[in-house]
PDB file of N, CA and C in Angstrom:
ATOM      1  N   MET A   1      40.230   7.501 -16.821  1.00  0.00           N
ATOM      2  CA  MET A   1      40.995   8.503 -17.513  1.00  0.00           C
ATOM      3  C   MET A   1      40.697   8.385 -19.005  1.00  0.00           C
ATOM      4  N   THR A   2      40.327   9.479 -19.616  1.00  0.00           N
ATOM      5  CA  THR A   2      40.009   9.494 -21.028  1.00  0.00           C
ATOM      6  C   THR A   2      41.070  10.291 -21.777  1.00  0.00           C
ATOM      7  N   ILE A   3      41.602   9.661 -22.786  1.00  0.00           N
ATOM      8  CA  ILE A   3      42.607  10.336 -23.614  1.00  0.00           C
ATOM      9  C   ILE A   3      42.020  10.477 -25.006  1.00  0.00           C
ATOM     10  N   ARG A   4      42.052  11.679 -25.533  1.00  0.00           N
ATOM     11  CA  ARG A   4      41.556  11.897 -26.883  1.00  0.00           C
ATOM     12  C   ARG A   4      42.736  12.116 -27.806  1.00  0.00           C
ATOM     13  N   ALA A   5      42.701  11.407 -28.918  1.00  0.00           N
ATOM     14  CA  ALA A   5      43.816  11.526 -29.865  1.00  0.00           C
ATOM     15  C   ALA A   5      43.255  11.790 -31.249  1.00  0.00           C
ATOM     16  N   ARG A   6      43.876  12.696 -31.940  1.00  0.00           N
ATOM     17  CA  ARG A   6      43.466  12.998 -33.309  1.00  0.00           C
ATOM     18  C   ARG A   6      44.159  12.063 -34.293  1.00  0.00           C
ATOM     19  N   ASP A   7      45.350  11.697 -33.966  1.00  0.00           N
ATOM     20  CA  ASP A   7      46.184  10.870 -34.835  1.00  0.00           C
ATOM     21  C   ASP A   7      45.694   9.412 -34.810  1.00  0.00           C
ATOM     22  N   ARG A   8      45.588   8.790 -35.956  1.00  0.00           N
ATOM     23  CA  ARG A   8      45.105   7.415 -36.051  1.00  0.00           C
ATOM     24  C   ARG A   8      46.057   6.441 -35.361  1.00  0.00           C
ATOM     25  N   MET A   9      47.360   6.658 -35.548  1.00  0.00           N
ATOM     26  CA  MET A   9      48.356   5.780 -34.919  1.00  0.00           C
ATOM     27  C   MET A   9      48.258   5.858 -33.396  1.00  0.00           C
ATOM     28  N   THR A  10      48.079   7.054 -32.873  1.00  0.00           N
ATOM     29  CA  THR A  10      47.969   7.224 -31.419  1.00  0.00           C
ATOM     30  C   THR A  10      46.717   6.535 -30.906  1.00  0.00           C
ATOM     31  N   ARG A  11      45.609   6.649 -31.653  1.00  0.00           N
ATOM     32  CA  ARG A  11      44.375   5.963 -31.255  1.00  0.00           C
ATOM     33  C   ARG A  11      44.568   4.460 -31.203  1.00  0.00           C
ATOM     34  N   GLN A  12      45.261   3.912 -32.198  1.00  0.00           N
ATOM     35  CA  GLN A  12      45.502   2.470 -32.205  1.00  0.00           C
ATOM     36  C   GLN A  12      46.381   2.056 -31.026  1.00  0.00           C
ATOM     37  N   LEU A  13      47.375   2.864 -30.721  1.00  0.00           N
ATOM     38  CA  LEU A  13      48.260   2.568 -29.601  1.00  0.00           C
ATOM     39  C   LEU A  13      47.485   2.590 -28.286  1.00  0.00           C
ATOM     40  N   ILE A  14      46.618   3.593 -28.128  1.00  0.00           N
ATOM     41  CA  ILE A  14      45.812   3.689 -26.907  1.00  0.00           C
ATOM     42  C   ILE A  14      44.880   2.483 -26.798  1.00  0.00           C
ATOM     43  N   ARG A  15      44.270   2.086 -27.920  1.00  0.00           N
ATOM     44  CA  ARG A  15      43.384   0.928 -27.926  1.00  0.00           C
ATOM     45  C   ARG A  15      44.144  -0.337 -27.523  1.00  0.00           C
ATOM     46  N   LYS A  16      45.357  -0.490 -28.035  1.00  0.00           N
ATOM     47  CA  LYS A  16      46.161  -1.669 -27.710  1.00  0.00           C
ATOM     48  C   LYS A  16      46.528  -1.669 -26.223  1.00  0.00           C
ATOM     49  N   MET A  17      46.857  -0.497 -25.696  1.00  0.00           N
ATOM     50  CA  MET A  17      47.199  -0.408 -24.277  1.00  0.00           C
ATOM     51  C   MET A  17      45.987  -0.748 -23.418  1.00  0.00           C
ATOM     52  N   ARG A  18      44.806  -0.339 -23.836  1.00  0.00           N
ATOM     53  CA  ARG A  18      43.593  -0.673 -23.089  1.00  0.00           C
ATOM     54  C   ARG A  18      43.370  -2.174 -23.073  1.00  0.00           C
ATOM     55  N   ASP A  19      43.570  -2.811 -24.243  1.00  0.00           N
ATOM     56  CA  ASP A  19      43.379  -4.257 -24.316  1.00  0.00           C
ATOM     57  C   ASP A  19      44.361  -4.991 -23.403  1.00  0.00           C
ATOM     58  N   GLU A  20      45.591  -4.524 -23.363  1.00  0.00           N
ATOM     59  CA  GLU A  20      46.582  -5.152 -22.494  1.00  0.00           C
ATOM     60  C   GLU A  20      46.223  -4.944 -21.025  1.00  0.00           C
ATOM     61  N   ALA A  21      45.726  -3.770 -20.707  1.00  0.00           N
ATOM     62  CA  ALA A  21      45.318  -3.503 -19.327  1.00  0.00           C
ATOM     63  C   ALA A  21      44.145  -4.397 -18.937  1.00  0.00           C
ATOM     64  N   ARG A  22      43.212  -4.615 -19.859  1.00  0.00           N
ATOM     65  CA  ARG A  22      42.080  -5.518 -19.568  1.00  0.00           C
ATOM     66  C   ARG A  22      42.573  -6.937 -19.321  1.00  0.00           C
ATOM     67  N   LEU A  23      43.564  -7.376 -20.123  1.00  0.00           N
ATOM     68  CA  LEU A  23      44.109  -8.723 -19.945  1.00  0.00           C
ATOM     69  C   LEU A  23      44.761  -8.850 -18.568  1.00  0.00           C
ATOM     70  N   LEU A  24      45.458  -7.817 -18.129  1.00  0.00           N
ATOM     71  CA  LEU A  24      46.098  -7.860 -16.819  1.00  0.00           C
ATOM     72  C   LEU A  24      45.071  -7.876 -15.691  1.00  0.00           C
ATOM     73  N   ARG A  25      43.952  -7.176 -15.881  1.00  0.00           N
ATOM     74  CA  ARG A  25      42.930  -7.112 -14.843  1.00  0.00           C
ATOM     75  C   ARG A  25      41.924  -8.254 -14.933  1.00  0.00           C
ATOM     76  N   SER A  26      41.961  -9.028 -16.009  1.00  0.00           N
ATOM     77  CA  SER A  26      40.944 -10.063 -16.189  1.00  0.00           C
ATOM     78  C   SER A  26      41.131 -11.183 -15.171  1.00  0.00           C
ATOM     79  N   ARG A  27      40.090 -11.948 -15.021  1.00  0.00           N
ATOM     80  CA  ARG A  27      40.133 -13.043 -14.050  1.00  0.00           C
ATOM     81  C   ARG A  27      40.600 -14.343 -14.680  1.00  0.00           C
ATOM     82  N   VAL A  28      40.875 -14.303 -15.968  1.00  0.00           N
ATOM     83  CA  VAL A  28      41.403 -15.486 -16.642  1.00  0.00           C
ATOM     84  C   VAL A  28      42.829 -15.685 -16.154  1.00  0.00           C
ATOM     85  N   PRO A  29      43.174 -16.888 -15.770  1.00  0.00           N
ATOM     86  CA  PRO A  29      44.550 -17.115 -15.307  1.00  0.00           C
ATOM     87  C   PRO A  29      45.553 -16.683 -16.384  1.00  0.00           C
ATOM     88  N   ARG A  30      46.591 -16.032 -15.946  1.00  0.00           N
ATOM     89  CA  ARG A  30      47.561 -15.490 -16.885  1.00  0.00           C
ATOM     90  C   ARG A  30      48.230 -16.595 -17.701  1.00  0.00           C
ATOM     91  N   THR A  31      48.404 -17.759 -17.112  1.00  0.00           N
ATOM     92  CA  THR A  31      49.027 -18.862 -17.849  1.00  0.00           C
ATOM     93  C   THR A  31      48.174 -19.272 -19.037  1.00  0.00           C
ATOM     94  N   ALA A  32      46.853 -19.186 -18.906  1.00  0.00           N
ATOM     95  CA  ALA A  32      45.979 -19.526 -20.029  1.00  0.00           C
ATOM     96  C   ALA A  32      46.174 -18.534 -21.164  1.00  0.00           C
ATOM     97  N   GLY A  33      46.343 -17.252 -20.836  1.00  0.00           N
ATOM     98  CA  GLY A  33      46.587 -16.241 -21.862  1.00  0.00           C
ATOM     99  C   GLY A  33      47.912 -16.477 -22.563  1.00  0.00           C
ATOM    100  N   VAL A  34      48.923 -16.820 -21.781  1.00  0.00           N
ATOM    101  CA  VAL A  34      50.243 -17.090 -22.360  1.00  0.00           C
ATOM    102  C   VAL A  34      50.187 -18.349 -23.216  1.00  0.00           C
ATOM    103  N   ALA A  35      49.466 -19.364 -22.747  1.00  0.00           N
ATOM    104  CA  ALA A  35      49.340 -20.606 -23.519  1.00  0.00           C
ATOM    105  C   ALA A  35      48.630 -20.348 -24.841  1.00  0.00           C
ATOM    106  N   ALA A  36      47.594 -19.521 -24.793  1.00  0.00           N
ATOM    107  CA  ALA A  36      46.865 -19.205 -26.028  1.00  0.00           C
ATOM    108  C   ALA A  36      47.769 -18.452 -26.999  1.00  0.00           C
ATOM    109  N   GLN A  37      48.571 -17.539 -26.482  1.00  0.00           N
ATOM    110  CA  GLN A  37      49.501 -16.814 -27.346  1.00  0.00           C
ATOM    111  C   GLN A  37      50.550 -17.759 -27.924  1.00  0.00           C
ATOM    112  N   SER A  38      51.003 -18.718 -27.126  1.00  0.00           N
ATOM    113  CA  SER A  38      52.000 -19.681 -27.607  1.00  0.00           C
ATOM    114  C   SER A  38      51.434 -20.542 -28.731  1.00  0.00           C
ATOM    115  N   VAL A  39      50.204 -20.993 -28.536  1.00  0.00           N
ATOM    116  CA  VAL A  39      49.559 -21.807 -29.581  1.00  0.00           C
ATOM    117  C   VAL A  39      49.370 -20.975 -30.846  1.00  0.00           C
ATOM    118  N   GLY A  40      48.982 -19.717 -30.670  1.00  0.00           N
ATOM    119  CA  GLY A  40      48.822 -18.839 -31.831  1.00  0.00           C
ATOM    120  C   GLY A  40      50.140 -18.619 -32.552  1.00  0.00           C
ATOM    121  N   ALA A  41      51.216 -18.447 -31.792  1.00  0.00           N
ATOM    122  CA  ALA A  41      52.536 -18.260 -32.399  1.00  0.00           C
ATOM    123  C   ALA A  41      52.973 -19.512 -33.150  1.00  0.00           C
ATOM    124  N   LEU A  42      52.707 -20.680 -32.571  1.00  0.00           N
ATOM    125  CA  LEU A  42      53.044 -21.932 -33.261  1.00  0.00           C
ATOM    126  C   LEU A  42      52.250 -22.091 -34.551  1.00  0.00           C
ATOM    127  N   ALA A  43      50.973 -21.751 -34.510  1.00  0.00           N
ATOM    128  CA  ALA A  43      50.142 -21.847 -35.711  1.00  0.00           C
ATOM    129  C   ALA A  43      50.639 -20.884 -36.787  1.00  0.00           C
ATOM    130  N   LEU A  44      51.005 -19.686 -36.379  1.00  0.00           N
ATOM    131  CA  LEU A  44      51.534 -18.709 -37.332  1.00  0.00           C
ATOM    132  C   LEU A  44      52.848 -19.197 -37.939  1.00  0.00           C
ATOM    133  N   GLY A  45      53.690 -19.809 -37.114  1.00  0.00           N
ATOM    134  CA  GLY A  45      54.944 -20.373 -37.613  1.00  0.00           C
ATOM    135  C   GLY A  45      54.701 -21.495 -38.611  1.00  0.00           C
ATOM    136  N   ALA A  46      53.704 -22.331 -38.327  1.00  0.00           N
ATOM    137  CA  ALA A  46      53.379 -23.426 -39.251  1.00  0.00           C
ATOM    138  C   ALA A  46      52.895 -22.893 -40.592  1.00  0.00           C
ATOM    139  N   VAL A  47      52.098 -21.846 -40.545  1.00  0.00           N
ATOM    140  CA  VAL A  47      51.615 -21.226 -41.784  1.00  0.00           C
ATOM    141  C   VAL A  47      52.785 -20.650 -42.574  1.00  0.00           C
ATOM    142  N   ALA A  48      53.718 -20.012 -41.874  1.00  0.00           N
ATOM    143  CA  ALA A  48      54.885 -19.430 -42.550  1.00  0.00           C
ATOM    144  C   ALA A  48      55.740 -20.511 -43.200  1.00  0.00           C
ATOM    145  N   ILE A  49      55.952 -21.620 -42.507  1.00  0.00           N
ATOM    146  CA  ILE A  49      56.746 -22.723 -43.066  1.00  0.00           C
ATOM    147  C   ILE A  49      56.034 -23.315 -44.287  1.00  0.00           C
ATOM    148  N   GLY A  50      54.720 -23.446 -44.208  1.00  0.00           N
ATOM    149  CA  GLY A  50      53.953 -23.946 -45.356  1.00  0.00           C
ATOM    150  C   GLY A  50      54.070 -23.026 -46.559  1.00  0.00           C
ATOM    151  N   ALA A  51      54.022 -21.722 -46.301  1.00  0.00           N
ATOM    152  CA  ALA A  51      54.162 -20.763 -47.402  1.00  0.00           C
ATOM    153  C   ALA A  51      55.542 -20.857 -48.033  1.00  0.00           C
ATOM    154  N   LEU A  52      56.573 -21.024 -47.211  1.00  0.00           N
ATOM    155  CA  LEU A  52      57.932 -21.187 -47.758  1.00  0.00           C
ATOM    156  C   LEU A  52      58.043 -22.459 -48.592  1.00  0.00           C
ATOM    157  N   ALA A  53      57.426 -23.538 -48.126  1.00  0.00           N
ATOM    158  CA  ALA A  53      57.475 -24.795 -48.873  1.00  0.00           C
ATOM    159  C   ALA A  53      56.778 -24.657 -50.227  1.00  0.00           C
ATOM    160  N   ILE A  54      55.626 -24.007 -50.240  1.00  0.00           N
ATOM    161  CA  ILE A  54      54.903 -23.810 -51.500  1.00  0.00           C
ATOM    162  C   ILE A  54      55.727 -22.940 -52.449  1.00  0.00           C
ATOM    163  N   GLY A  55      56.356 -21.902 -51.916  1.00  0.00           N
ATOM    164  CA  GLY A  55      57.218 -21.047 -52.738  1.00  0.00           C
ATOM    165  C   GLY A  55      58.390 -21.823 -53.321  1.00  0.00           C
ATOM    166  N   ALA A  56      58.999 -22.683 -52.502  1.00  0.00           N
ATOM    167  CA  ALA A  56      60.123 -23.490 -52.989  1.00  0.00           C
ATOM    168  C   ALA A  56      59.676 -24.432 -54.101  1.00  0.00           C
ATOM    169  N   LEU A  57      58.502 -25.028 -53.947  1.00  0.00           N
ATOM    170  CA  LEU A  57      57.988 -25.909 -54.999  1.00  0.00           C
ATOM    171  C   LEU A  57      57.740 -25.148 -56.295  1.00  0.00           C
ATOM    172  N   ALA A  58      57.180 -23.960 -56.182  1.00  0.00           N
ATOM    173  CA  ALA A  58      56.909 -23.158 -57.377  1.00  0.00           C
ATOM    174  C   ALA A  58      58.216 -22.775 -58.075  1.00  0.00           C
ATOM    175  N   ILE A  59      59.219 -22.387 -57.304  1.00  0.00           N
ATOM    176  CA  ILE A  59      60.513 -22.031 -57.897  1.00  0.00           C
ATOM    177  C   ILE A  59      61.143 -23.250 -58.559  1.00  0.00           C
ATOM    178  N   GLY A  60      61.051 -24.401 -57.919  1.00  0.00           N
ATOM    179  CA  GLY A  60      61.589 -25.631 -58.508  1.00  0.00           C
ATOM    180  C   GLY A  60      60.904 -25.984 -59.817  1.00  0.00           C
ATOM    181  N   LYS A  61      59.591 -25.829 -59.855  1.00  0.00           N
ATOM    182  CA  LYS A  61      58.842 -26.113 -61.081  1.00  0.00           C
ATOM    183  C   LYS A  61      59.271 -25.191 -62.215  1.00  0.00           C
ATOM    184  N   LEU A  62      59.440 -23.912 -61.897  1.00  0.00           N
ATOM    185  CA  LEU A  62      59.895 -22.960 -62.917  1.00  0.00           C
ATOM    186  C   LEU A  62      61.282 -23.306 -63.418  1.00  0.00           C
ATOM    187  N   ALA A  63      62.162 -23.698 -62.510  1.00  0.00           N
ATOM    188  CA  ALA A  63      63.530 -24.041 -62.900  1.00  0.00           C
ATOM    189  C   ALA A  63      63.543 -25.267 -63.811  1.00  0.00           C
ATOM    190  N   ILE A  64      62.728 -26.262 -63.497  1.00  0.00           N
ATOM    191  CA  ILE A  64      62.660 -27.465 -64.339  1.00  0.00           C
ATOM    192  C   ILE A  64      62.109 -27.112 -65.710  1.00  0.00           C
ATOM    193  N   GLY A  65      61.092 -26.268 -65.754  1.00  0.00           N
ATOM    194  CA  GLY A  65      60.518 -25.845 -67.034  1.00  0.00           C
ATOM    195  C   GLY A  65      61.544 -25.121 -67.897  1.00  0.00           C
ATOM    196  N   ARG A  66      62.313 -24.240 -67.271  1.00  0.00           N
ATOM    197  CA  ARG A  66      63.349 -23.522 -68.020  1.00  0.00           C
ATOM    198  C   ARG A  66      64.430 -24.470 -68.520  1.00  0.00           C
ATOM    199  N   ALA A  67      64.789 -25.451 -67.705  1.00  0.00           N
ATOM    200  CA  ALA A  67      65.805 -26.417 -68.132  1.00  0.00           C
ATOM    201  C   ALA A  67      65.313 -27.208 -69.341  1.00  0.00           C
ATOM    202  N   ARG A  68      64.046 -27.576 -69.346  1.00  0.00           N
ATOM    203  CA  ARG A  68      63.493 -28.311 -70.494  1.00  0.00           C
ATOM    204  C   ARG A  68      63.512 -27.442 -71.752  1.00  0.00           C
ATOM    205  N   ILE A  69      63.155 -26.178 -71.593  1.00  0.00           N
ATOM    206  CA  ILE A  69      63.165 -25.278 -72.748  1.00  0.00           C
ATOM    207  C   ILE A  69      64.578 -25.129 -73.284  1.00  0.00           C
ATOM    208  N   ARG A  70      65.550 -24.958 -72.397  1.00  0.00           N
ATOM    209  CA  ARG A  70      66.955 -24.841 -72.834  1.00  0.00           C
ATOM    210  C   ARG A  70      67.407 -26.104 -73.556  1.00  0.00           C
ATOM    211  N   ARG A  71      67.014 -27.260 -73.024  1.00  0.00           N
ATOM    212  CA  ARG A  71      67.418 -28.515 -73.663  1.00  0.00           C
ATOM    213  C   ARG A  71      66.829 -28.607 -75.067  1.00  0.00           C
ATOM    214  N   LEU A  72      65.567 -28.228 -75.221  1.00  0.00           N
ATOM    215  CA  LEU A  72      64.949 -28.246 -76.543  1.00  0.00           C
ATOM    216  C   LEU A  72      65.663 -27.289 -77.492  1.00  0.00           C
ATOM    217  N   GLU A  73      66.038 -26.108 -76.967  1.00  0.00           N
ATOM    218  CA  GLU A  73      66.758 -25.149 -77.812  1.00  0.00           C
ATOM    219  C   GLU A  73      68.101 -25.711 -78.239  1.00  0.00           C
ATOM    220  N   ILE A  74      68.812 -26.362 -77.325  1.00  0.00           N
ATOM    221  CA  ILE A  74      70.118 -26.942 -77.660  1.00  0.00           C
ATOM    222  C   ILE A  74      69.941 -28.069 -78.677  1.00  0.00           C
ATOM    223  N   ASP A  75      68.936 -28.932 -78.459  1.00  0.00           N
ATOM    224  CA  ASP A  75      68.682 -30.018 -79.411  1.00  0.00           C
ATOM    225  C   ASP A  75      68.360 -29.458 -80.791  1.00  0.00           C
ATOM    226  N   GLU A  76      67.584 -28.390 -80.850  1.00  0.00           N
ATOM    227  CA  GLU A  76      67.224 -27.777 -82.128  1.00  0.00           C
ATOM    228  C   GLU A  76      68.467 -27.213 -82.821  1.00  0.00           C
ATOM    229  N   LEU A  77      69.356 -26.601 -82.052  1.00  0.00           N
ATOM    230  CA  LEU A  77      70.591 -26.069 -82.633  1.00  0.00           C
ATOM    231  C   LEU A  77      71.471 -27.182 -83.170  1.00  0.00           C
ATOM    232  N   VAL A  78      71.558 -28.284 -82.441  1.00  0.00           N
ATOM    233  CA  VAL A  78      72.376 -29.414 -82.895  1.00  0.00           C
ATOM    234  C   VAL A  78      71.810 -29.989 -84.178  1.00  0.00           C
ATOM    235  N   VAL A  79      70.492 -30.134 -84.245  1.00  0.00           N
ATOM    236  CA  VAL A  79      69.857 -30.680 -85.447  1.00  0.00           C
ATOM    237  C   VAL A  79      70.103 -29.747 -86.636  1.00  0.00           C
ATOM    238  N   ARG A  80      70.062 -28.459 -86.437  1.00  0.00           N
ATOM    239  CA  ARG A  80      70.302 -27.519 -87.527  1.00  0.00           C
ATOM    240  C   ARG A  80      71.733 -27.609 -88.038  1.00  0.00           C
ATOM    241  N   GLN A  81      72.660 -27.985 -87.177  1.00  0.00           N
ATOM    242  CA  GLN A  81      74.063 -28.019 -87.591  1.00  0.00           C
ATOM    243  C   GLN A  81      74.460 -29.346 -88.229  1.00  0.00           C
ATOM    244  N   LEU A  82      73.619 -30.339 -88.161  1.00  0.00           N
ATOM    245  CA  LEU A  82      73.937 -31.625 -88.789  1.00  0.00           C
ATOM    246  C   LEU A  82      73.901 -31.479 -90.307  1.00  0.00           C
ATOM    247  N   HIS A  83      74.854 -32.111 -90.985  1.00  0.00           N
ATOM    248  CA  HIS A  83      74.917 -32.060 -92.448  1.00  0.00           C
ATOM    249  C   HIS A  83      74.857 -33.478 -92.997  1.00  0.00           C
ATOM    250  N   VAL A  84      74.237 -33.625 -94.132  1.00  0.00           N
ATOM    251  CA  VAL A  84      74.161 -34.917 -94.790  1.00  0.00           C
ATOM    252  C   VAL A  84      75.458 -35.115 -95.569  1.00  0.00           C
ATOM    253  N   THR A  85      76.165 -36.194 -95.269  1.00  0.00           N
ATOM    254  CA  THR A  85      77.449 -36.426 -95.938  1.00  0.00           C
ATOM    255  C   THR A  85      77.311 -37.317 -97.159  1.00  0.00           C
ATOM    256  N   GLU A  86      76.371 -38.212 -97.148  1.00  0.00           N
ATOM    257  CA  GLU A  86      76.162 -39.054 -98.331  1.00  0.00           C
ATOM    258  C   GLU A  86      74.679 -39.285 -98.529  1.00  0.00           C
ATOM    259  N   GLU A  87      74.341 -39.627 -99.744  1.00  0.00           N
ATOM    260  CA  GLU A  87      72.939 -39.812-100.077  1.00  0.00           C
ATOM    261  C   GLU A  87      72.450 -41.148 -99.549  1.00  0.00           C
ATOM    262  N   LEU A  88      71.274 -41.140 -98.968  1.00  0.00           N
ATOM    263  CA  LEU A  88      70.696 -42.343 -98.401  1.00  0.00           C
ATOM    264  C   LEU A  88      69.899 -43.057 -99.488  1.00  0.00           C
ATOM    265  N   LYS A  89      70.196 -44.339 -99.686  1.00  0.00           N
ATOM    266  CA  LYS A  89      69.476 -45.138-100.680  1.00  0.00           C
ATOM    267  C   LYS A  89      68.486 -46.034 -99.956  1.00  0.00           C
ATOM    268  N   VAL A  90      67.228 -45.846-100.270  1.00  0.00           N
ATOM    269  CA  VAL A  90      66.153 -46.600 -99.630  1.00  0.00           C
ATOM    270  C   VAL A  90      65.625 -47.600-100.644  1.00  0.00           C
ATOM    271  N   PRO A  91      65.487 -48.866-100.239  1.00  0.00           N
ATOM    272  CA  PRO A  91      64.938 -49.857-101.184  1.00  0.00           C
ATOM    273  C   PRO A  91      63.464 -49.556-101.459  1.00  0.00           C
ATOM    274  N   PRO A  92      62.988 -49.910-102.646  1.00  0.00           N
ATOM    275  CA  PRO A  92      61.581 -49.648-102.975  1.00  0.00           C
ATOM    276  C   PRO A  92      60.662 -50.483-102.094  1.00  0.00           C
ATOM    277  N   LYS A  93      59.449 -49.992-101.919  1.00  0.00           N
ATOM    278  CA  LYS A  93      58.468 -50.705-101.107  1.00  0.00           C
ATOM    279  C   LYS A  93      58.042 -51.978-101.830  1.00  0.00           C
ATOM    280  N   PRO A  94      57.913 -53.057-101.086  1.00  0.00           N
ATOM    281  CA  PRO A  94      57.462 -54.304-101.735  1.00  0.00           C
ATOM    282  C   PRO A  94      55.976 -54.206-102.075  1.00  0.00           C
ATOM    283  N   ASP A  95      55.596 -54.818-103.182  1.00  0.00           N
ATOM    284  CA  ASP A  95      54.186 -54.839-103.587  1.00  0.00           C
ATOM    285  C   ASP A  95      53.446 -55.849-102.741  1.00  0.00           C
ATOM    286  N   LEU A  96      52.352 -55.466-102.199  1.00  0.00           N
ATOM    287  CA  LEU A  96      51.571 -56.342-101.351  1.00  0.00           C
ATOM    288  C   LEU A  96      50.557 -57.138-102.165  1.00  0.00           C
ATOM    289  N   GLU A  97      50.353 -56.801-103.441  1.00  0.00           N
ATOM    290  CA  GLU A  97      49.349 -57.475-104.269  1.00  0.00           C
ATOM    291  C   GLU A  97      49.869 -58.819-104.795  1.00  0.00           C
ATOM    292  N   ARG A  98      51.080 -59.067-104.824  1.00  0.00           N
ATOM    293  CA  ARG A  98      51.625 -60.309-105.382  1.00  0.00           C
ATOM    294  C   ARG A  98      51.337 -61.507-104.567  1.00  0.00           C
TER     295      ARG A  98
END
């Protein structure tokens, strides 16, 4: 049976249905097909978990960087607000030639 479709989505759907029909008619034991799909799903899950971990690390790094910048800004503000209350008297440097 030949089905002709003008729509791209319909063509893809027909192609997918053909592939599934071939899998059902194939001589490969069905358990092997299911096992292969299970392994593929596990691998995809592992990749997704790895991507989440990398994203979490990147967000953590950004948060630490921002905290450091804020701390520097606060330290700078504190230093600007400090006032000298009395004059500091420093003893003269000793002569090293004597």
